[in-house]
Full PDB file with SEQRES, HELIX, SHEET, SSBOND, CRYST1, ORIGX, SCALE, CONECT and MASTER records, all heavy atoms in Angstrom:
SEQRES   1 A   27  CYS ALA THR THR TYR THR TYR TYR SER ASP ALA TYR TYR          
SEQRES   2 A   27  LEU GLU ALA VAL HIS TYR ASP TYR TRP GLY GLN GLY THR          
SEQRES   3 A   27  GLN                                                          
HELIX    1 AA1 ALA A   16  HIS A   18  5                                   3    
SHEET    1 AA1 2 ALA A   2  THR A   3  0                                        
SHEET    2 AA1 2 TYR A  21  TRP A  22 -1                                        
CRYST1    1.000    1.000    1.000  90.00  90.00  90.00 P 1           1          
ORIGX1      1.000000  0.000000  0.000000        0.00000                         
ORIGX2      0.000000  1.000000  0.000000        0.00000                         
ORIGX3      0.000000  0.000000  1.000000        0.00000                         
SCALE1      1.000000  0.000000  0.000000        0.00000                         
SCALE2      0.000000  1.000000  0.000000        0.00000                         
SCALE3      0.000000  0.000000  1.000000        0.00000                         
ATOM      1  N   CYS A   1      49.283 140.171 129.993  1.00  0.00           N  
ATOM      2  CA  CYS A   1      50.465 140.978 129.764  1.00  0.00           C  
ATOM      3  C   CYS A   1      51.321 140.307 128.683  1.00  0.00           C  
ATOM      4  O   CYS A   1      51.225 139.100 128.456  1.00  0.00           O  
ATOM      5  CB  CYS A   1      51.289 141.225 131.022  1.00  0.00           C  
ATOM      6  SG  CYS A   1      52.176 139.808 131.675  1.00  0.00           S  
ATOM      7  N   ALA A   2      52.111 141.108 128.033  1.00  0.00           N  
ATOM      8  CA  ALA A   2      52.936 140.616 126.918  1.00  0.00           C  
ATOM      9  C   ALA A   2      54.230 141.416 126.911  1.00  0.00           C  
ATOM     10  O   ALA A   2      54.312 142.532 127.425  1.00  0.00           O  
ATOM     11  CB  ALA A   2      52.206 140.793 125.594  1.00  0.00           C  
ATOM     12  N   THR A   3      55.238 140.813 126.263  1.00  0.00           N  
ATOM     13  CA  THR A   3      56.534 141.469 126.249  1.00  0.00           C  
ATOM     14  C   THR A   3      57.268 141.189 124.940  1.00  0.00           C  
ATOM     15  O   THR A   3      57.011 140.183 124.259  1.00  0.00           O  
ATOM     16  CB  THR A   3      57.395 141.016 127.431  1.00  0.00           C  
ATOM     17  OG1 THR A   3      58.598 141.791 127.471  1.00  0.00           O  
ATOM     18  CG2 THR A   3      57.781 139.542 127.331  1.00  0.00           C  
ATOM     19  N   THR A   4      58.147 142.100 124.599  1.00  0.00           N  
ATOM     20  CA  THR A   4      58.977 141.915 123.425  1.00  0.00           C  
ATOM     21  C   THR A   4      60.338 142.555 123.667  1.00  0.00           C  
ATOM     22  O   THR A   4      60.426 143.628 124.275  1.00  0.00           O  
ATOM     23  CB  THR A   4      58.325 142.540 122.183  1.00  0.00           C  
ATOM     24  OG1 THR A   4      59.161 142.277 121.037  1.00  0.00           O  
ATOM     25  CG2 THR A   4      58.147 144.037 122.329  1.00  0.00           C  
ATOM     26  N   TYR A   5      61.358 141.904 123.182  1.00  0.00           N  
ATOM     27  CA  TYR A   5      62.718 142.458 123.282  1.00  0.00           C  
ATOM     28  C   TYR A   5      62.811 143.637 122.321  1.00  0.00           C  
ATOM     29  O   TYR A   5      62.330 143.582 121.199  1.00  0.00           O  
ATOM     30  CB  TYR A   5      63.746 141.379 122.907  1.00  0.00           C  
ATOM     31  CG  TYR A   5      65.175 141.863 123.065  1.00  0.00           C  
ATOM     32  CD1 TYR A   5      65.832 141.710 124.269  1.00  0.00           C  
ATOM     33  CD2 TYR A   5      65.852 142.486 122.008  1.00  0.00           C  
ATOM     34  CE1 TYR A   5      67.140 142.137 124.444  1.00  0.00           C  
ATOM     35  CE2 TYR A   5      67.146 142.920 122.172  1.00  0.00           C  
ATOM     36  CZ  TYR A   5      67.796 142.737 123.389  1.00  0.00           C  
ATOM     37  OH  TYR A   5      69.066 143.164 123.534  1.00  0.00           O  
ATOM     38  N   THR A   6      63.489 144.679 122.769  1.00  0.00           N  
ATOM     39  CA  THR A   6      63.686 145.838 121.919  1.00  0.00           C  
ATOM     40  C   THR A   6      65.005 146.509 122.211  1.00  0.00           C  
ATOM     41  O   THR A   6      65.475 146.528 123.324  1.00  0.00           O  
ATOM     42  CB  THR A   6      62.540 146.854 122.087  1.00  0.00           C  
ATOM     43  OG1 THR A   6      62.788 148.000 121.246  1.00  0.00           O  
ATOM     44  CG2 THR A   6      62.442 147.329 123.536  1.00  0.00           C  
ATOM     45  N   TYR A   7      65.608 147.052 121.135  1.00  0.00           N  
ATOM     46  CA  TYR A   7      66.856 147.801 121.282  1.00  0.00           C  
ATOM     47  C   TYR A   7      66.578 149.249 121.698  1.00  0.00           C  
ATOM     48  O   TYR A   7      67.498 149.974 122.089  1.00  0.00           O  
ATOM     49  CB  TYR A   7      67.605 147.838 119.958  1.00  0.00           C  
ATOM     50  CG  TYR A   7      68.152 146.484 119.551  1.00  0.00           C  
ATOM     51  CD1 TYR A   7      67.514 145.713 118.595  1.00  0.00           C  
ATOM     52  CD2 TYR A   7      69.327 145.972 120.135  1.00  0.00           C  
ATOM     53  CE1 TYR A   7      68.010 144.469 118.242  1.00  0.00           C  
ATOM     54  CE2 TYR A   7      69.821 144.743 119.764  1.00  0.00           C  
ATOM     55  CZ  TYR A   7      69.153 143.998 118.829  1.00  0.00           C  
ATOM     56  OH  TYR A   7      69.654 142.773 118.457  1.00  0.00           O  
ATOM     57  N   TYR A   8      65.303 149.662 121.615  1.00  0.00           N  
ATOM     58  CA  TYR A   8      64.957 151.058 121.805  1.00  0.00           C  
ATOM     59  C   TYR A   8      64.364 151.287 123.183  1.00  0.00           C  
ATOM     60  O   TYR A   8      63.253 150.859 123.468  1.00  0.00           O  
ATOM     61  CB  TYR A   8      63.975 151.507 120.716  1.00  0.00           C  
ATOM     62  CG  TYR A   8      64.492 151.227 119.331  1.00  0.00           C  
ATOM     63  CD1 TYR A   8      63.987 150.174 118.569  1.00  0.00           C  
ATOM     64  CD2 TYR A   8      65.521 151.974 118.789  1.00  0.00           C  
ATOM     65  CE1 TYR A   8      64.484 149.889 117.321  1.00  0.00           C  
ATOM     66  CE2 TYR A   8      66.018 151.715 117.528  1.00  0.00           C  
ATOM     67  CZ  TYR A   8      65.496 150.668 116.796  1.00  0.00           C  
ATOM     68  OH  TYR A   8      65.994 150.393 115.572  1.00  0.00           O  
ATOM     69  N   SER A   9      65.069 151.983 124.014  1.00  0.00           N  
ATOM     70  CA  SER A   9      64.672 152.157 125.399  1.00  0.00           C  
ATOM     71  C   SER A   9      63.385 152.942 125.571  1.00  0.00           C  
ATOM     72  O   SER A   9      62.687 152.766 126.572  1.00  0.00           O  
ATOM     73  CB  SER A   9      65.785 152.852 126.184  1.00  0.00           C  
ATOM     74  OG  SER A   9      66.946 152.061 126.226  1.00  0.00           O  
ATOM     75  N   ASP A  10      63.065 153.790 124.603  1.00  0.00           N  
ATOM     76  CA  ASP A  10      61.906 154.675 124.763  1.00  0.00           C  
ATOM     77  C   ASP A  10      60.716 154.270 123.887  1.00  0.00           C  
ATOM     78  O   ASP A  10      59.731 155.027 123.828  1.00  0.00           O  
ATOM     79  CB  ASP A  10      62.331 156.110 124.440  1.00  0.00           C  
ATOM     80  CG  ASP A  10      63.319 156.651 125.438  1.00  0.00           C  
ATOM     81  OD1 ASP A  10      63.259 156.238 126.622  1.00  0.00           O  
ATOM     82  OD2 ASP A  10      64.177 157.471 125.035  1.00  0.00           O  
ATOM     83  N   ALA A  11      60.799 153.127 123.254  1.00  0.00           N  
ATOM     84  CA  ALA A  11      59.706 152.698 122.376  1.00  0.00           C  
ATOM     85  C   ALA A  11      58.703 151.834 123.115  1.00  0.00           C  
ATOM     86  O   ALA A  11      59.065 151.042 124.001  1.00  0.00           O  
ATOM     87  CB  ALA A  11      60.258 151.912 121.200  1.00  0.00           C  
ATOM     88  N   TYR A  12      57.436 151.991 122.757  1.00  0.00           N  
ATOM     89  CA  TYR A  12      56.406 151.075 123.245  1.00  0.00           C  
ATOM     90  C   TYR A  12      55.550 150.696 122.046  1.00  0.00           C  
ATOM     91  O   TYR A  12      55.553 151.365 121.018  1.00  0.00           O  
ATOM     92  CB  TYR A  12      55.553 151.688 124.373  1.00  0.00           C  
ATOM     93  CG  TYR A  12      54.831 152.947 123.993  1.00  0.00           C  
ATOM     94  CD1 TYR A  12      53.560 152.926 123.441  1.00  0.00           C  
ATOM     95  CD2 TYR A  12      55.429 154.186 124.224  1.00  0.00           C  
ATOM     96  CE1 TYR A  12      52.899 154.072 123.099  1.00  0.00           C  
ATOM     97  CE2 TYR A  12      54.780 155.360 123.897  1.00  0.00           C  
ATOM     98  CZ  TYR A  12      53.516 155.306 123.333  1.00  0.00           C  
ATOM     99  OH  TYR A  12      52.860 156.462 122.992  1.00  0.00           O  
ATOM    100  N   TYR A  13      54.826 149.598 122.188  1.00  0.00           N  
ATOM    101  CA  TYR A  13      54.182 148.980 121.042  1.00  0.00           C  
ATOM    102  C   TYR A  13      52.687 148.757 121.331  1.00  0.00           C  
ATOM    103  O   TYR A  13      52.323 148.190 122.349  1.00  0.00           O  
ATOM    104  CB  TYR A  13      54.860 147.665 120.702  1.00  0.00           C  
ATOM    105  CG  TYR A  13      56.342 147.865 120.456  1.00  0.00           C  
ATOM    106  CD1 TYR A  13      57.271 147.696 121.477  1.00  0.00           C  
ATOM    107  CD2 TYR A  13      56.801 148.272 119.202  1.00  0.00           C  
ATOM    108  CE1 TYR A  13      58.617 147.895 121.264  1.00  0.00           C  
ATOM    109  CE2 TYR A  13      58.155 148.501 118.990  1.00  0.00           C  
ATOM    110  CZ  TYR A  13      59.053 148.313 120.022  1.00  0.00           C  
ATOM    111  OH  TYR A  13      60.394 148.534 119.802  1.00  0.00           O  
ATOM    112  N   LEU A  14      51.869 149.170 120.372  1.00  0.00           N  
ATOM    113  CA  LEU A  14      50.411 149.139 120.564  1.00  0.00           C  
ATOM    114  C   LEU A  14      49.770 147.882 120.002  1.00  0.00           C  
ATOM    115  O   LEU A  14      48.659 147.543 120.385  1.00  0.00           O  
ATOM    116  CB  LEU A  14      49.777 150.366 119.903  1.00  0.00           C  
ATOM    117  CG  LEU A  14      50.343 151.718 120.268  1.00  0.00           C  
ATOM    118  CD1 LEU A  14      49.540 152.829 119.590  1.00  0.00           C  
ATOM    119  CD2 LEU A  14      50.350 151.923 121.769  1.00  0.00           C  
ATOM    120  N   GLU A  15      50.468 147.203 119.119  1.00  0.00           N  
ATOM    121  CA  GLU A  15      49.845 146.095 118.413  1.00  0.00           C  
ATOM    122  C   GLU A  15      50.388 144.749 118.907  1.00  0.00           C  
ATOM    123  O   GLU A  15      51.587 144.589 119.105  1.00  0.00           O  
ATOM    124  CB  GLU A  15      50.071 146.243 116.904  1.00  0.00           C  
ATOM    125  CG  GLU A  15      49.397 147.490 116.347  1.00  0.00           C  
ATOM    126  CD  GLU A  15      49.599 147.614 114.833  1.00  0.00           C  
ATOM    127  OE1 GLU A  15      50.311 146.786 114.269  1.00  0.00           O  
ATOM    128  OE2 GLU A  15      49.007 148.538 114.254  1.00  0.00           O  
ATOM    129  N   ALA A  16      49.467 143.781 119.011  1.00  0.00           N  
ATOM    130  CA  ALA A  16      49.824 142.472 119.526  1.00  0.00           C  
ATOM    131  C   ALA A  16      50.876 141.780 118.700  1.00  0.00           C  
ATOM    132  O   ALA A  16      51.666 140.988 119.222  1.00  0.00           O  
ATOM    133  CB  ALA A  16      48.577 141.597 119.609  1.00  0.00           C  
ATOM    134  N   VAL A  17      50.938 142.072 117.415  1.00  0.00           N  
ATOM    135  CA  VAL A  17      51.879 141.397 116.529  1.00  0.00           C  
ATOM    136  C   VAL A  17      53.320 141.667 116.922  1.00  0.00           C  
ATOM    137  O   VAL A  17      54.227 140.907 116.601  1.00  0.00           O  
ATOM    138  CB  VAL A  17      51.622 141.833 115.068  1.00  0.00           C  
ATOM    139  CG1 VAL A  17      51.990 143.301 114.865  1.00  0.00           C  
ATOM    140  CG2 VAL A  17      52.360 140.953 114.102  1.00  0.00           C  
ATOM    141  N   HIS A  18      53.573 142.738 117.660  1.00  0.00           N  
ATOM    142  CA  HIS A  18      54.944 143.080 118.062  1.00  0.00           C  
ATOM    143  C   HIS A  18      55.434 142.261 119.223  1.00  0.00           C  
ATOM    144  O   HIS A  18      56.621 142.225 119.511  1.00  0.00           O  
ATOM    145  CB  HIS A  18      55.016 144.553 118.442  1.00  0.00           C  
ATOM    146  CG  HIS A  18      54.845 145.493 117.287  1.00  0.00           C  
ATOM    147  ND1 HIS A  18      55.793 145.589 116.281  1.00  0.00           N  
ATOM    148  CD2 HIS A  18      53.867 146.358 116.974  1.00  0.00           C  
ATOM    149  CE1 HIS A  18      55.393 146.481 115.397  1.00  0.00           C  
ATOM    150  NE2 HIS A  18      54.214 146.961 115.791  1.00  0.00           N  
ATOM    151  N   TYR A  19      54.527 141.575 119.944  1.00  0.00           N  
ATOM    152  CA  TYR A  19      54.881 140.911 121.172  1.00  0.00           C  
ATOM    153  C   TYR A  19      55.172 139.425 120.953  1.00  0.00           C  
ATOM    154  O   TYR A  19      54.465 138.739 120.263  1.00  0.00           O  
ATOM    155  CB  TYR A  19      53.771 141.093 122.210  1.00  0.00           C  
ATOM    156  CG  TYR A  19      53.681 142.511 122.677  1.00  0.00           C  
ATOM    157  CD1 TYR A  19      52.869 143.437 121.995  1.00  0.00           C  
ATOM    158  CD2 TYR A  19      54.413 142.987 123.746  1.00  0.00           C  
ATOM    159  CE1 TYR A  19      52.789 144.757 122.389  1.00  0.00           C  
ATOM    160  CE2 TYR A  19      54.323 144.297 124.162  1.00  0.00           C  
ATOM    161  CZ  TYR A  19      53.529 145.176 123.480  1.00  0.00           C  
ATOM    162  OH  TYR A  19      53.458 146.479 123.876  1.00  0.00           O  
ATOM    163  N   ASP A  20      56.236 138.964 121.622  1.00  0.00           N  
ATOM    164  CA  ASP A  20      56.696 137.589 121.447  1.00  0.00           C  
ATOM    165  C   ASP A  20      56.240 136.651 122.549  1.00  0.00           C  
ATOM    166  O   ASP A  20      56.130 135.451 122.316  1.00  0.00           O  
ATOM    167  CB  ASP A  20      58.232 137.582 121.400  1.00  0.00           C  
ATOM    168  CG  ASP A  20      58.781 138.433 120.272  1.00  0.00           C  
ATOM    169  OD1 ASP A  20      58.262 138.310 119.143  1.00  0.00           O  
ATOM    170  OD2 ASP A  20      59.708 139.216 120.539  1.00  0.00           O  
ATOM    171  N   TYR A  21      56.021 137.169 123.734  1.00  0.00           N  
ATOM    172  CA  TYR A  21      55.693 136.326 124.865  1.00  0.00           C  
ATOM    173  C   TYR A  21      54.429 136.868 125.559  1.00  0.00           C  
ATOM    174  O   TYR A  21      54.270 138.088 125.694  1.00  0.00           O  
ATOM    175  CB  TYR A  21      56.847 136.274 125.879  1.00  0.00           C  
ATOM    176  CG  TYR A  21      58.140 135.787 125.280  1.00  0.00           C  
ATOM    177  CD1 TYR A  21      59.133 136.679 124.894  1.00  0.00           C  
ATOM    178  CD2 TYR A  21      58.349 134.429 125.085  1.00  0.00           C  
ATOM    179  CE1 TYR A  21      60.323 136.240 124.337  1.00  0.00           C  
ATOM    180  CE2 TYR A  21      59.560 133.977 124.525  1.00  0.00           C  
ATOM    181  CZ  TYR A  21      60.523 134.894 124.158  1.00  0.00           C  
ATOM    182  OH  TYR A  21      61.689 134.429 123.610  1.00  0.00           O  
ATOM    183  N   TRP A  22      53.618 135.920 126.012  1.00  0.00           N  
ATOM    184  CA  TRP A  22      52.335 136.275 126.646  1.00  0.00           C  
ATOM    185  C   TRP A  22      52.150 135.490 127.945  1.00  0.00           C  
ATOM    186  O   TRP A  22      52.590 134.341 128.059  1.00  0.00           O  
ATOM    187  CB  TRP A  22      51.189 135.935 125.697  1.00  0.00           C  
ATOM    188  CG  TRP A  22      51.197 136.762 124.458  1.00  0.00           C  
ATOM    189  CD1 TRP A  22      51.979 136.598 123.349  1.00  0.00           C  
ATOM    190  CD2 TRP A  22      50.392 137.925 124.195  1.00  0.00           C  
ATOM    191  NE1 TRP A  22      51.701 137.586 122.422  1.00  0.00           N  
ATOM    192  CE2 TRP A  22      50.734 138.405 122.927  1.00  0.00           C  
ATOM    193  CE3 TRP A  22      49.410 138.589 124.947  1.00  0.00           C  
ATOM    194  CZ2 TRP A  22      50.125 139.533 122.350  1.00  0.00           C  
ATOM    195  CZ3 TRP A  22      48.798 139.706 124.362  1.00  0.00           C  
ATOM    196  CH2 TRP A  22      49.172 140.157 123.089  1.00  0.00           C  
ATOM    197  N   GLY A  23      51.457 136.127 128.874  1.00  0.00           N  
ATOM    198  CA  GLY A  23      51.076 135.437 130.080  1.00  0.00           C  
ATOM    199  C   GLY A  23      49.784 134.637 129.876  1.00  0.00           C  
ATOM    200  O   GLY A  23      49.207 134.666 128.785  1.00  0.00           O  
ATOM    201  N   GLN A  24      49.358 133.996 130.933  1.00  0.00           N  
ATOM    202  CA  GLN A  24      48.176 133.115 130.837  1.00  0.00           C  
ATOM    203  C   GLN A  24      46.884 133.895 131.066  1.00  0.00           C  
ATOM    204  O   GLN A  24      45.795 133.382 130.792  1.00  0.00           O  
ATOM    205  CB  GLN A  24      48.264 131.968 131.843  1.00  0.00           C  
ATOM    206  CG  GLN A  24      47.840 132.314 133.258  1.00  0.00           C  
ATOM    207  CD  GLN A  24      48.795 133.243 133.981  1.00  0.00           C  
ATOM    208  OE1 GLN A  24      49.915 133.472 133.544  1.00  0.00           O  
ATOM    209  NE2 GLN A  24      48.359 133.763 135.130  1.00  0.00           N  
ATOM    210  N   GLY A  25      46.985 135.103 131.565  1.00  0.00           N  
ATOM    211  CA  GLY A  25      45.819 135.958 131.749  1.00  0.00           C  
ATOM    212  C   GLY A  25      45.267 135.919 133.163  1.00  0.00           C  
ATOM    213  O   GLY A  25      45.463 134.947 133.895  1.00  0.00           O  
ATOM    214  N   THR A  26      44.589 137.008 133.517  1.00  0.00           N  
ATOM    215  CA  THR A  26      43.909 137.101 134.803  1.00  0.00           C  
ATOM    216  C   THR A  26      42.536 137.715 134.593  1.00  0.00           C  
ATOM    217  O   THR A  26      42.411 138.672 133.826  1.00  0.00           O  
ATOM    218  CB  THR A  26      44.746 137.881 135.837  1.00  0.00           C  
ATOM    219  OG1 THR A  26      44.107 137.832 137.124  1.00  0.00           O  
ATOM    220  CG2 THR A  26      44.927 139.336 135.437  1.00  0.00           C  
ATOM    221  N   GLN A  27      41.528 137.146 135.209  1.00  0.00           N  
ATOM    222  CA  GLN A  27      40.160 137.589 134.977  1.00  0.00           C  
ATOM    223  C   GLN A  27      39.846 138.829 135.803  1.00  0.00           C  
ATOM    224  O   GLN A  27      40.110 138.872 137.032  1.00  0.00           O  
ATOM    225  CB  GLN A  27      39.174 136.471 135.350  1.00  0.00           C  
ATOM    226  CG  GLN A  27      37.716 136.843 135.230  1.00  0.00           C  
ATOM    227  CD  GLN A  27      37.259 137.009 133.787  1.00  0.00           C  
ATOM    228  OE1 GLN A  27      37.528 136.154 132.946  1.00  0.00           O  
ATOM    229  NE2 GLN A  27      36.552 138.098 133.504  1.00  0.00           N  
TER     230      GLN A  27                                                      
MASTER        0    0    0    1    2    0    0    6  229    1    0    3          
END                                                                             
């Protein structure tokens, strides 16, 4: 999972480059 701060309540992002923080992953 990944997350990014945004001013836009209705926007979502398809590309990894937009995300600032990432989890460690689950198999």
